[in-house]
PDB file of all heavy atoms in Angstrom:
ATOM      1  N   MET A   1      48.299 -69.176  49.519  1.00  0.00           N
ATOM      2  CA  MET A   1      49.135 -70.393  49.679  1.00  0.00           C
ATOM      3  C   MET A   1      50.549 -70.107  49.102  1.00  0.00           C
ATOM      4  O   MET A   1      51.564 -70.479  49.734  1.00  0.00           O
ATOM      5  CB  MET A   1      48.491 -71.578  48.975  1.00  0.00           C
ATOM      6  CG  MET A   1      47.359 -72.108  49.769  1.00  0.00           C
ATOM      7  SD  MET A   1      46.663 -73.705  49.245  1.00  0.00           S
ATOM      8  CE  MET A   1      46.903 -73.801  47.508  1.00  0.00           C
ATOM      9  N   GLY A   2      50.601 -69.380  48.007  1.00  0.00           N
ATOM     10  CA  GLY A   2      51.911 -69.079  47.444  1.00  0.00           C
ATOM     11  C   GLY A   2      52.720 -68.142  48.287  1.00  0.00           C
ATOM     12  O   GLY A   2      53.903 -68.305  48.541  1.00  0.00           O
ATOM     13  N   ILE A   3      52.056 -67.153  48.921  1.00  0.00           N
ATOM     14  CA  ILE A   3      52.712 -66.202  49.798  1.00  0.00           C
ATOM     15  C   ILE A   3      53.197 -66.942  51.052  1.00  0.00           C
ATOM     16  O   ILE A   3      54.261 -66.680  51.519  1.00  0.00           O
ATOM     17  CB  ILE A   3      51.760 -65.010  50.085  1.00  0.00           C
ATOM     18  CG1 ILE A   3      51.569 -64.112  48.878  1.00  0.00           C
ATOM     19  CG2 ILE A   3      52.343 -64.173  51.282  1.00  0.00           C
ATOM     20  CD1 ILE A   3      50.493 -63.128  49.023  1.00  0.00           C
ATOM     21  N   THR A   4      52.295 -67.780  51.547  1.00  0.00           N
ATOM     22  CA  THR A   4      52.706 -68.549  52.739  1.00  0.00           C
ATOM     23  C   THR A   4      53.931 -69.399  52.488  1.00  0.00           C
ATOM     24  O   THR A   4      54.836 -69.426  53.314  1.00  0.00           O
ATOM     25  CB  THR A   4      51.552 -69.432  53.221  1.00  0.00           C
ATOM     26  OG1 THR A   4      50.389 -68.631  53.474  1.00  0.00           O
ATOM     27  CG2 THR A   4      51.880 -70.273  54.449  1.00  0.00           C
ATOM     28  N   GLU A   5      53.965 -70.035  51.319  1.00  0.00           N
ATOM     29  CA  GLU A   5      55.161 -70.850  51.028  1.00  0.00           C
ATOM     30  C   GLU A   5      56.369 -70.007  50.948  1.00  0.00           C
ATOM     31  O   GLU A   5      57.434 -70.322  51.510  1.00  0.00           O
ATOM     32  CB  GLU A   5      54.937 -71.544  49.722  1.00  0.00           C
ATOM     33  CG  GLU A   5      56.111 -72.413  49.345  1.00  0.00           C
ATOM     34  CD  GLU A   5      55.933 -73.246  48.067  1.00  0.00           C
ATOM     35  OE1 GLU A   5      54.742 -73.532  47.715  1.00  0.00           O
ATOM     36  OE2 GLU A   5      56.906 -73.563  47.409  1.00  0.00           O
ATOM     37  N   ILE A   6      56.346 -68.845  50.326  1.00  0.00           N
ATOM     38  CA  ILE A   6      57.492 -67.941  50.180  1.00  0.00           C
ATOM     39  C   ILE A   6      57.920 -67.474  51.576  1.00  0.00           C
ATOM     40  O   ILE A   6      59.145 -67.568  51.869  1.00  0.00           O
ATOM     41  CB  ILE A   6      57.161 -66.691  49.295  1.00  0.00           C
ATOM     42  CG1 ILE A   6      56.967 -67.202  47.860  1.00  0.00           C
ATOM     43  CG2 ILE A   6      58.285 -65.718  49.381  1.00  0.00           C
ATOM     44  CD1 ILE A   6      56.417 -66.135  46.907  1.00  0.00           C
ATOM     45  N   LEU A   7      57.002 -67.023  52.378  1.00  0.00           N
ATOM     46  CA  LEU A   7      57.407 -66.354  53.625  1.00  0.00           C
ATOM     47  C   LEU A   7      57.751 -67.371  54.751  1.00  0.00           C
ATOM     48  O   LEU A   7      58.551 -67.043  55.630  1.00  0.00           O
ATOM     49  CB  LEU A   7      56.266 -65.475  54.166  1.00  0.00           C
ATOM     50  CG  LEU A   7      55.989 -64.239  53.296  1.00  0.00           C
ATOM     51  CD1 LEU A   7      54.826 -63.429  53.918  1.00  0.00           C
ATOM     52  CD2 LEU A   7      57.271 -63.321  53.194  1.00  0.00           C
ATOM     53  N   TYR A   8      57.159 -68.559  54.716  1.00  0.00           N
ATOM     54  CA  TYR A   8      57.357 -69.494  55.854  1.00  0.00           C
ATOM     55  C   TYR A   8      58.171 -70.696  55.525  1.00  0.00           C
ATOM     56  O   TYR A   8      58.733 -71.316  56.427  1.00  0.00           O
ATOM     57  CB  TYR A   8      56.063 -69.897  56.417  1.00  0.00           C
ATOM     58  CG  TYR A   8      55.352 -68.795  57.183  1.00  0.00           C
ATOM     59  CD1 TYR A   8      54.436 -67.997  56.457  1.00  0.00           C
ATOM     60  CD2 TYR A   8      55.628 -68.546  58.491  1.00  0.00           C
ATOM     61  CE1 TYR A   8      53.730 -66.910  57.205  1.00  0.00           C
ATOM     62  CE2 TYR A   8      54.976 -67.521  59.148  1.00  0.00           C
ATOM     63  CZ  TYR A   8      54.023 -66.723  58.515  1.00  0.00           C
ATOM     64  OH  TYR A   8      53.376 -65.699  59.182  1.00  0.00           O
ATOM     65  N   LEU A   9      58.270 -71.132  54.237  1.00  0.00           N
ATOM     66  CA  LEU A   9      58.895 -72.391  53.929  1.00  0.00           C
ATOM     67  C   LEU A   9      60.092 -72.267  53.046  1.00  0.00           C
ATOM     68  O   LEU A   9      60.818 -73.264  52.794  1.00  0.00           O
ATOM     69  CB  LEU A   9      57.863 -73.295  53.268  1.00  0.00           C
ATOM     70  CG  LEU A   9      56.591 -73.543  54.012  1.00  0.00           C
ATOM     71  CD1 LEU A   9      55.613 -74.443  53.190  1.00  0.00           C
ATOM     72  CD2 LEU A   9      56.868 -74.286  55.331  1.00  0.00           C
ATOM     73  N   HIS A  10      60.391 -71.112  52.530  1.00  0.00           N
ATOM     74  CA  HIS A  10      61.413 -70.899  51.566  1.00  0.00           C
ATOM     75  C   HIS A  10      62.772 -70.559  52.191  1.00  0.00           C
ATOM     76  O   HIS A  10      63.318 -69.455  51.961  1.00  0.00           O
ATOM     77  CB  HIS A  10      60.988 -69.858  50.512  1.00  0.00           C
ATOM     78  CG  HIS A  10      61.737 -69.772  49.251  1.00  0.00           C
ATOM     79  ND1 HIS A  10      62.557 -68.792  48.932  1.00  0.00           N
ATOM     80  CD2 HIS A  10      61.832 -70.717  48.280  1.00  0.00           C
ATOM     81  CE1 HIS A  10      63.119 -69.017  47.755  1.00  0.00           C
ATOM     82  NE2 HIS A  10      62.729 -70.143  47.332  1.00  0.00           N
ATOM     83  N   TYR A  11      63.323 -71.442  53.057  1.00  0.00           N
ATOM     84  CA  TYR A  11      64.548 -71.194  53.748  1.00  0.00           C
ATOM     85  C   TYR A  11      65.498 -72.360  53.739  1.00  0.00           C
ATOM     86  O   TYR A  11      65.054 -73.503  53.603  1.00  0.00           O
ATOM     87  CB  TYR A  11      64.253 -70.846  55.257  1.00  0.00           C
ATOM     88  CG  TYR A  11      63.487 -69.569  55.386  1.00  0.00           C
ATOM     89  CD1 TYR A  11      62.054 -69.599  55.455  1.00  0.00           C
ATOM     90  CD2 TYR A  11      64.090 -68.368  55.466  1.00  0.00           C
ATOM     91  CE1 TYR A  11      61.338 -68.443  55.593  1.00  0.00           C
ATOM     92  CE2 TYR A  11      63.400 -67.184  55.536  1.00  0.00           C
ATOM     93  CZ  TYR A  11      62.031 -67.230  55.634  1.00  0.00           C
ATOM     94  OH  TYR A  11      61.283 -66.032  55.719  1.00  0.00           O
ATOM     95  N   GLU A  12      66.783 -72.044  53.791  1.00  0.00           N
ATOM     96  CA  GLU A  12      67.802 -73.055  53.889  1.00  0.00           C
ATOM     97  C   GLU A  12      68.481 -72.930  55.287  1.00  0.00           C
ATOM     98  O   GLU A  12      68.986 -71.876  55.540  1.00  0.00           O
ATOM     99  CB  GLU A  12      68.758 -72.930  52.728  1.00  0.00           C
ATOM    100  CG  GLU A  12      68.124 -73.208  51.423  1.00  0.00           C
ATOM    101  CD  GLU A  12      69.139 -73.086  50.240  1.00  0.00           C
ATOM    102  OE1 GLU A  12      70.241 -73.574  50.420  1.00  0.00           O
ATOM    103  OE2 GLU A  12      68.722 -72.584  49.184  1.00  0.00           O
ATOM    104  N   LEU A  13      68.508 -73.944  56.049  1.00  0.00           N
ATOM    105  CA  LEU A  13      69.046 -73.888  57.378  1.00  0.00           C
ATOM    106  C   LEU A  13      70.541 -73.627  57.425  1.00  0.00           C
ATOM    107  O   LEU A  13      71.054 -73.136  58.416  1.00  0.00           O
ATOM    108  CB  LEU A  13      68.726 -75.185  58.165  1.00  0.00           C
ATOM    109  CG  LEU A  13      67.252 -75.370  58.478  1.00  0.00           C
ATOM    110  CD1 LEU A  13      67.021 -76.668  59.246  1.00  0.00           C
ATOM    111  CD2 LEU A  13      66.697 -74.226  59.342  1.00  0.00           C
ATOM    112  N   ASP A  14      71.239 -73.946  56.322  1.00  0.00           N
ATOM    113  CA  ASP A  14      72.698 -73.741  56.379  1.00  0.00           C
ATOM    114  C   ASP A  14      73.110 -72.367  55.889  1.00  0.00           C
ATOM    115  O   ASP A  14      74.250 -72.045  55.741  1.00  0.00           O
ATOM    116  CB  ASP A  14      73.352 -74.818  55.512  1.00  0.00           C
ATOM    117  CG  ASP A  14      72.960 -74.779  54.126  1.00  0.00           C
ATOM    118  OD1 ASP A  14      71.837 -74.254  53.730  1.00  0.00           O
ATOM    119  OD2 ASP A  14      73.652 -75.331  53.203  1.00  0.00           O
ATOM    120  N   LYS A  15      72.177 -71.453  55.627  1.00  0.00           N
ATOM    121  CA  LYS A  15      72.445 -70.088  55.212  1.00  0.00           C
ATOM    122  C   LYS A  15      71.923 -69.087  56.282  1.00  0.00           C
ATOM    123  O   LYS A  15      71.009 -69.465  57.018  1.00  0.00           O
ATOM    124  CB  LYS A  15      71.817 -69.785  53.902  1.00  0.00           C
ATOM    125  CG  LYS A  15      72.375 -70.617  52.752  1.00  0.00           C
ATOM    126  CD  LYS A  15      71.767 -70.207  51.412  1.00  0.00           C
ATOM    127  CE  LYS A  15      72.421 -71.032  50.339  1.00  0.00           C
ATOM    128  NZ  LYS A  15      71.852 -70.707  49.038  1.00  0.00           N
ATOM    129  N   PRO A  16      72.482 -67.894  56.312  1.00  0.00           N
ATOM    130  CA  PRO A  16      72.057 -66.908  57.282  1.00  0.00           C
ATOM    131  C   PRO A  16      70.516 -66.576  57.094  1.00  0.00           C
ATOM    132  O   PRO A  16      70.079 -66.473  55.970  1.00  0.00           O
ATOM    133  CB  PRO A  16      72.917 -65.699  57.026  1.00  0.00           C
ATOM    134  CG  PRO A  16      74.115 -66.237  56.338  1.00  0.00           C
ATOM    135  CD  PRO A  16      73.610 -67.394  55.563  1.00  0.00           C
ATOM    136  N   LEU A  17      69.869 -66.406  58.240  1.00  0.00           N
ATOM    137  CA  LEU A  17      68.412 -66.140  58.243  1.00  0.00           C
ATOM    138  C   LEU A  17      68.025 -64.769  57.673  1.00  0.00           C
ATOM    139  O   LEU A  17      67.180 -64.687  56.852  1.00  0.00           O
ATOM    140  CB  LEU A  17      67.855 -66.387  59.576  1.00  0.00           C
ATOM    141  CG  LEU A  17      66.333 -66.064  59.799  1.00  0.00           C
ATOM    142  CD1 LEU A  17      65.489 -67.035  59.002  1.00  0.00           C
ATOM    143  CD2 LEU A  17      65.956 -66.119  61.210  1.00  0.00           C
ATOM    144  N   ILE A  18      68.590 -63.725  58.186  1.00  0.00           N
ATOM    145  CA  ILE A  18      68.171 -62.392  57.876  1.00  0.00           C
ATOM    146  C   ILE A  18      68.166 -62.098  56.383  1.00  0.00           C
ATOM    147  O   ILE A  18      67.184 -61.612  55.875  1.00  0.00           O
ATOM    148  CB  ILE A  18      68.869 -61.307  58.676  1.00  0.00           C
ATOM    149  CG1 ILE A  18      68.489 -61.476  60.185  1.00  0.00           C
ATOM    150  CG2 ILE A  18      68.615 -59.927  58.211  1.00  0.00           C
ATOM    151  CD1 ILE A  18      69.213 -60.585  61.143  1.00  0.00           C
ATOM    152  N   PRO A  19      69.211 -62.389  55.656  1.00  0.00           N
ATOM    153  CA  PRO A  19      69.186 -62.096  54.230  1.00  0.00           C
ATOM    154  C   PRO A  19      68.045 -62.946  53.480  1.00  0.00           C
ATOM    155  O   PRO A  19      67.448 -62.437  52.578  1.00  0.00           O
ATOM    156  CB  PRO A  19      70.526 -62.556  53.704  1.00  0.00           C
ATOM    157  CG  PRO A  19      71.415 -62.464  54.922  1.00  0.00           C
ATOM    158  CD  PRO A  19      70.581 -62.787  56.072  1.00  0.00           C
ATOM    159  N   GLN A  20      67.803 -64.102  54.009  1.00  0.00           N
ATOM    160  CA  GLN A  20      66.720 -64.957  53.409  1.00  0.00           C
ATOM    161  C   GLN A  20      65.307 -64.314  53.696  1.00  0.00           C
ATOM    162  O   GLN A  20      64.457 -64.330  52.814  1.00  0.00           O
ATOM    163  CB  GLN A  20      66.788 -66.404  53.904  1.00  0.00           C
ATOM    164  CG  GLN A  20      67.958 -67.172  53.458  1.00  0.00           C
ATOM    165  CD  GLN A  20      67.906 -68.578  53.927  1.00  0.00           C
ATOM    166  OE1 GLN A  20      67.174 -69.350  53.358  1.00  0.00           O
ATOM    167  NE2 GLN A  20      68.598 -68.887  54.991  1.00  0.00           N
ATOM    168  N   VAL A  21      65.157 -63.803  54.875  1.00  0.00           N
ATOM    169  CA  VAL A  21      63.890 -63.159  55.224  1.00  0.00           C
ATOM    170  C   VAL A  21      63.673 -61.957  54.332  1.00  0.00           C
ATOM    171  O   VAL A  21      62.555 -61.767  53.772  1.00  0.00           O
ATOM    172  CB  VAL A  21      63.884 -62.760  56.749  1.00  0.00           C
ATOM    173  CG1 VAL A  21      62.657 -61.885  57.051  1.00  0.00           C
ATOM    174  CG2 VAL A  21      63.871 -63.992  57.647  1.00  0.00           C
ATOM    175  N   LYS A  22      64.709 -61.139  54.165  1.00  0.00           N
ATOM    176  CA  LYS A  22      64.608 -59.940  53.362  1.00  0.00           C
ATOM    177  C   LYS A  22      64.275 -60.321  51.908  1.00  0.00           C
ATOM    178  O   LYS A  22      63.427 -59.758  51.232  1.00  0.00           O
ATOM    179  CB  LYS A  22      65.873 -59.113  53.361  1.00  0.00           C
ATOM    180  CG  LYS A  22      66.128 -58.425  54.696  1.00  0.00           C
ATOM    181  CD  LYS A  22      67.496 -57.703  54.631  1.00  0.00           C
ATOM    182  CE  LYS A  22      67.756 -56.938  55.877  1.00  0.00           C
ATOM    183  NZ  LYS A  22      69.045 -56.211  55.870  1.00  0.00           N
ATOM    184  N   GLU A  23      64.985 -61.291  51.321  1.00  0.00           N
ATOM    185  CA  GLU A  23      64.781 -61.785  49.969  1.00  0.00           C
ATOM    186  C   GLU A  23      63.399 -62.308  49.790  1.00  0.00           C
ATOM    187  O   GLU A  23      62.706 -62.075  48.776  1.00  0.00           O
ATOM    188  CB  GLU A  23      65.844 -62.785  49.607  1.00  0.00           C
ATOM    189  CG  GLU A  23      65.778 -63.192  48.137  1.00  0.00           C
ATOM    190  CD  GLU A  23      66.007 -62.009  47.169  1.00  0.00           C
ATOM    191  OE1 GLU A  23      66.730 -61.119  47.464  1.00  0.00           O
ATOM    192  OE2 GLU A  23      65.365 -62.078  46.116  1.00  0.00           O
ATOM    193  N   ASN A  24      62.904 -63.156  50.775  1.00  0.00           N
ATOM    194  CA  ASN A  24      61.538 -63.728  50.656  1.00  0.00           C
ATOM    195  C   ASN A  24      60.510 -62.647  50.767  1.00  0.00           C
ATOM    196  O   ASN A  24      59.478 -62.754  50.052  1.00  0.00           O
ATOM    197  CB  ASN A  24      61.376 -64.783  51.726  1.00  0.00           C
ATOM    198  CG  ASN A  24      62.198 -65.995  51.492  1.00  0.00           C
ATOM    199  OD1 ASN A  24      62.774 -66.172  50.392  1.00  0.00           O
ATOM    200  ND2 ASN A  24      62.310 -66.855  52.482  1.00  0.00           N
ATOM    201  N   GLY A  25      60.735 -61.617  51.574  1.00  0.00           N
ATOM    202  CA  GLY A  25      59.789 -60.452  51.633  1.00  0.00           C
ATOM    203  C   GLY A  25      59.695 -59.790  50.279  1.00  0.00           C
ATOM    204  O   GLY A  25      58.629 -59.427  49.777  1.00  0.00           O
ATOM    205  N   LYS A  26      60.884 -59.560  49.641  1.00  0.00           N
ATOM    206  CA  LYS A  26      60.862 -58.889  48.355  1.00  0.00           C
ATOM    207  C   LYS A  26      60.134 -59.759  47.287  1.00  0.00           C
ATOM    208  O   LYS A  26      59.381 -59.279  46.479  1.00  0.00           O
ATOM    209  CB  LYS A  26      62.287 -58.662  47.898  1.00  0.00           C
ATOM    210  CG  LYS A  26      62.997 -57.577  48.644  1.00  0.00           C
ATOM    211  CD  LYS A  26      64.443 -57.406  48.133  1.00  0.00           C
ATOM    212  CE  LYS A  26      65.201 -56.471  48.998  1.00  0.00           C
ATOM    213  NZ  LYS A  26      66.612 -56.445  48.578  1.00  0.00           N
ATOM    214  N   LEU A  27      60.396 -61.056  47.332  1.00  0.00           N
ATOM    215  CA  LEU A  27      59.748 -61.996  46.414  1.00  0.00           C
ATOM    216  C   LEU A  27      58.241 -62.009  46.612  1.00  0.00           C
ATOM    217  O   LEU A  27      57.536 -61.871  45.576  1.00  0.00           O
ATOM    218  CB  LEU A  27      60.317 -63.382  46.640  1.00  0.00           C
ATOM    219  CG  LEU A  27      59.826 -64.519  45.648  1.00  0.00           C
ATOM    220  CD1 LEU A  27      60.180 -64.105  44.201  1.00  0.00           C
ATOM    221  CD2 LEU A  27      60.554 -65.783  45.985  1.00  0.00           C
ATOM    222  N   ALA A  28      57.770 -62.028  47.773  1.00  0.00           N
ATOM    223  CA  ALA A  28      56.326 -62.022  48.059  1.00  0.00           C
ATOM    224  C   ALA A  28      55.737 -60.682  47.609  1.00  0.00           C
ATOM    225  O   ALA A  28      54.669 -60.610  47.031  1.00  0.00           O
ATOM    226  CB  ALA A  28      56.069 -62.254  49.534  1.00  0.00           C
ATOM    227  N   GLY A  29      56.401 -59.572  47.874  1.00  0.00           N
ATOM    228  CA  GLY A  29      55.950 -58.295  47.391  1.00  0.00           C
ATOM    229  C   GLY A  29      55.873 -58.189  45.895  1.00  0.00           C
ATOM    230  O   GLY A  29      54.944 -57.648  45.343  1.00  0.00           O
ATOM    231  N   LYS A  30      56.887 -58.690  45.148  1.00  0.00           N
ATOM    232  CA  LYS A  30      56.892 -58.729  43.743  1.00  0.00           C
ATOM    233  C   LYS A  30      55.705 -59.561  43.187  1.00  0.00           C
ATOM    234  O   LYS A  30      55.032 -59.235  42.255  1.00  0.00           O
ATOM    235  CB  LYS A  30      58.195 -59.275  43.176  1.00  0.00           C
ATOM    236  CG  LYS A  30      59.310 -58.352  43.296  1.00  0.00           C
ATOM    237  CD  LYS A  30      60.612 -58.962  42.772  1.00  0.00           C
ATOM    238  CE  LYS A  30      61.820 -58.002  42.990  1.00  0.00           C
ATOM    239  NZ  LYS A  30      63.066 -58.663  42.544  1.00  0.00           N
ATOM    240  N   MET A  31      55.486 -60.670  43.830  1.00  0.00           N
ATOM    241  CA  MET A  31      54.396 -61.554  43.438  1.00  0.00           C
ATOM    242  C   MET A  31      53.027 -60.868  43.586  1.00  0.00           C
ATOM    243  O   MET A  31      52.223 -60.864  42.686  1.00  0.00           O
ATOM    244  CB  MET A  31      54.424 -62.856  44.283  1.00  0.00           C
ATOM    245  CG  MET A  31      53.297 -63.822  43.959  1.00  0.00           C
ATOM    246  SD  MET A  31      53.507 -65.266  45.067  1.00  0.00           S
ATOM    247  CE  MET A  31      51.964 -65.977  44.934  1.00  0.00           C
ATOM    248  N   LEU A  32      52.833 -60.152  44.719  1.00  0.00           N
ATOM    249  CA  LEU A  32      51.599 -59.453  44.940  1.00  0.00           C
ATOM    250  C   LEU A  32      51.454 -58.290  43.968  1.00  0.00           C
ATOM    251  O   LEU A  32      50.358 -58.032  43.461  1.00  0.00           O
ATOM    252  CB  LEU A  32      51.534 -58.934  46.360  1.00  0.00           C
ATOM    253  CG  LEU A  32      51.101 -59.943  47.380  1.00  0.00           C
ATOM    254  CD1 LEU A  32      51.423 -59.553  48.792  1.00  0.00           C
ATOM    255  CD2 LEU A  32      49.578 -60.173  47.262  1.00  0.00           C
ATOM    256  N   ALA A  33      52.534 -57.572  43.680  1.00  0.00           N
ATOM    257  CA  ALA A  33      52.460 -56.445  42.667  1.00  0.00           C
ATOM    258  C   ALA A  33      52.091 -56.977  41.334  1.00  0.00           C
ATOM    259  O   ALA A  33      51.269 -56.307  40.624  1.00  0.00           O
ATOM    260  CB  ALA A  33      53.799 -55.749  42.657  1.00  0.00           C
ATOM    261  N   MET A  34      52.647 -58.107  40.925  1.00  0.00           N
ATOM    262  CA  MET A  34      52.271 -58.699  39.628  1.00  0.00           C
ATOM    263  C   MET A  34      50.802 -59.080  39.566  1.00  0.00           C
ATOM    264  O   MET A  34      50.092 -58.728  38.614  1.00  0.00           O
ATOM    265  CB  MET A  34      53.085 -59.989  39.447  1.00  0.00           C
ATOM    266  CG  MET A  34      53.826 -59.990  38.202  1.00  0.00           C
ATOM    267  SD  MET A  34      54.993 -61.455  37.970  1.00  0.00           S
ATOM    268  CE  MET A  34      54.116 -62.807  38.734  1.00  0.00           C
ATOM    269  N   VAL A  35      50.272 -59.680  40.666  1.00  0.00           N
ATOM    270  CA  VAL A  35      48.886 -60.070  40.710  1.00  0.00           C
ATOM    271  C   VAL A  35      47.993 -58.802  40.695  1.00  0.00           C
ATOM    272  O   VAL A  35      46.981 -58.739  39.996  1.00  0.00           O
ATOM    273  CB  VAL A  35      48.657 -60.949  41.976  1.00  0.00           C
ATOM    274  CG1 VAL A  35      47.127 -61.112  42.175  1.00  0.00           C
ATOM    275  CG2 VAL A  35      49.288 -62.272  41.812  1.00  0.00           C
ATOM    276  N   GLU A  36      48.414 -57.813  41.462  1.00  0.00           N
ATOM    277  CA  GLU A  36      47.639 -56.538  41.525  1.00  0.00           C
ATOM    278  C   GLU A  36      47.538 -55.918  40.146  1.00  0.00           C
ATOM    279  O   GLU A  36      46.490 -55.431  39.726  1.00  0.00           O
ATOM    280  CB  GLU A  36      48.308 -55.587  42.522  1.00  0.00           C
ATOM    281  CG  GLU A  36      47.478 -54.422  42.904  1.00  0.00           C
ATOM    282  CD  GLU A  36      48.021 -53.647  44.032  1.00  0.00           C
ATOM    283  OE1 GLU A  36      49.188 -53.957  44.456  1.00  0.00           O
ATOM    284  OE2 GLU A  36      47.335 -52.709  44.541  1.00  0.00           O
ATOM    285  N   ASP A  37      48.626 -55.900  39.445  1.00  0.00           N
ATOM    286  CA  ASP A  37      48.649 -55.368  38.050  1.00  0.00           C
ATOM    287  C   ASP A  37      47.751 -56.177  37.146  1.00  0.00           C
ATOM    288  O   ASP A  37      46.972 -55.535  36.365  1.00  0.00           O
ATOM    289  CB  ASP A  37      50.087 -55.376  37.534  1.00  0.00           C
ATOM    290  CG  ASP A  37      50.207 -54.728  36.143  1.00  0.00           C
ATOM    291  OD1 ASP A  37      49.794 -53.613  36.012  1.00  0.00           O
ATOM    292  OD2 ASP A  37      50.734 -55.428  35.248  1.00  0.00           O
ATOM    293  N   MET A  38      47.815 -57.502  37.226  1.00  0.00           N
ATOM    294  CA  MET A  38      46.987 -58.310  36.394  1.00  0.00           C
ATOM    295  C   MET A  38      45.530 -58.085  36.678  1.00  0.00           C
ATOM    296  O   MET A  38      44.673 -57.994  35.777  1.00  0.00           O
ATOM    297  CB  MET A  38      47.331 -59.808  36.566  1.00  0.00           C
ATOM    298  CG  MET A  38      48.632 -60.245  35.957  1.00  0.00           C
ATOM    299  SD  MET A  38      49.134 -61.945  36.156  1.00  0.00           S
ATOM    300  CE  MET A  38      47.793 -62.804  36.678  1.00  0.00           C
ATOM    301  N   VAL A  39      45.170 -57.988  37.938  1.00  0.00           N
ATOM    302  CA  VAL A  39      43.749 -57.793  38.304  1.00  0.00           C
ATOM    303  C   VAL A  39      43.262 -56.428  37.754  1.00  0.00           C
ATOM    304  O   VAL A  39      42.156 -56.306  37.285  1.00  0.00           O
ATOM    305  CB  VAL A  39      43.561 -57.892  39.887  1.00  0.00           C
ATOM    306  CG1 VAL A  39      42.244 -57.378  40.364  1.00  0.00           C
ATOM    307  CG2 VAL A  39      43.812 -59.304  40.307  1.00  0.00           C
TER     308      VAL A  39
END
């Protein structure tokens, strides 16, 4: 659910899309890396 929120809902319509997609991808990757480390 957290990854879905980051990748699909974390956008601002008044800002360029591509930088937001890249940033959200990095954020989701960091979140997964953190969880993987904890596990």
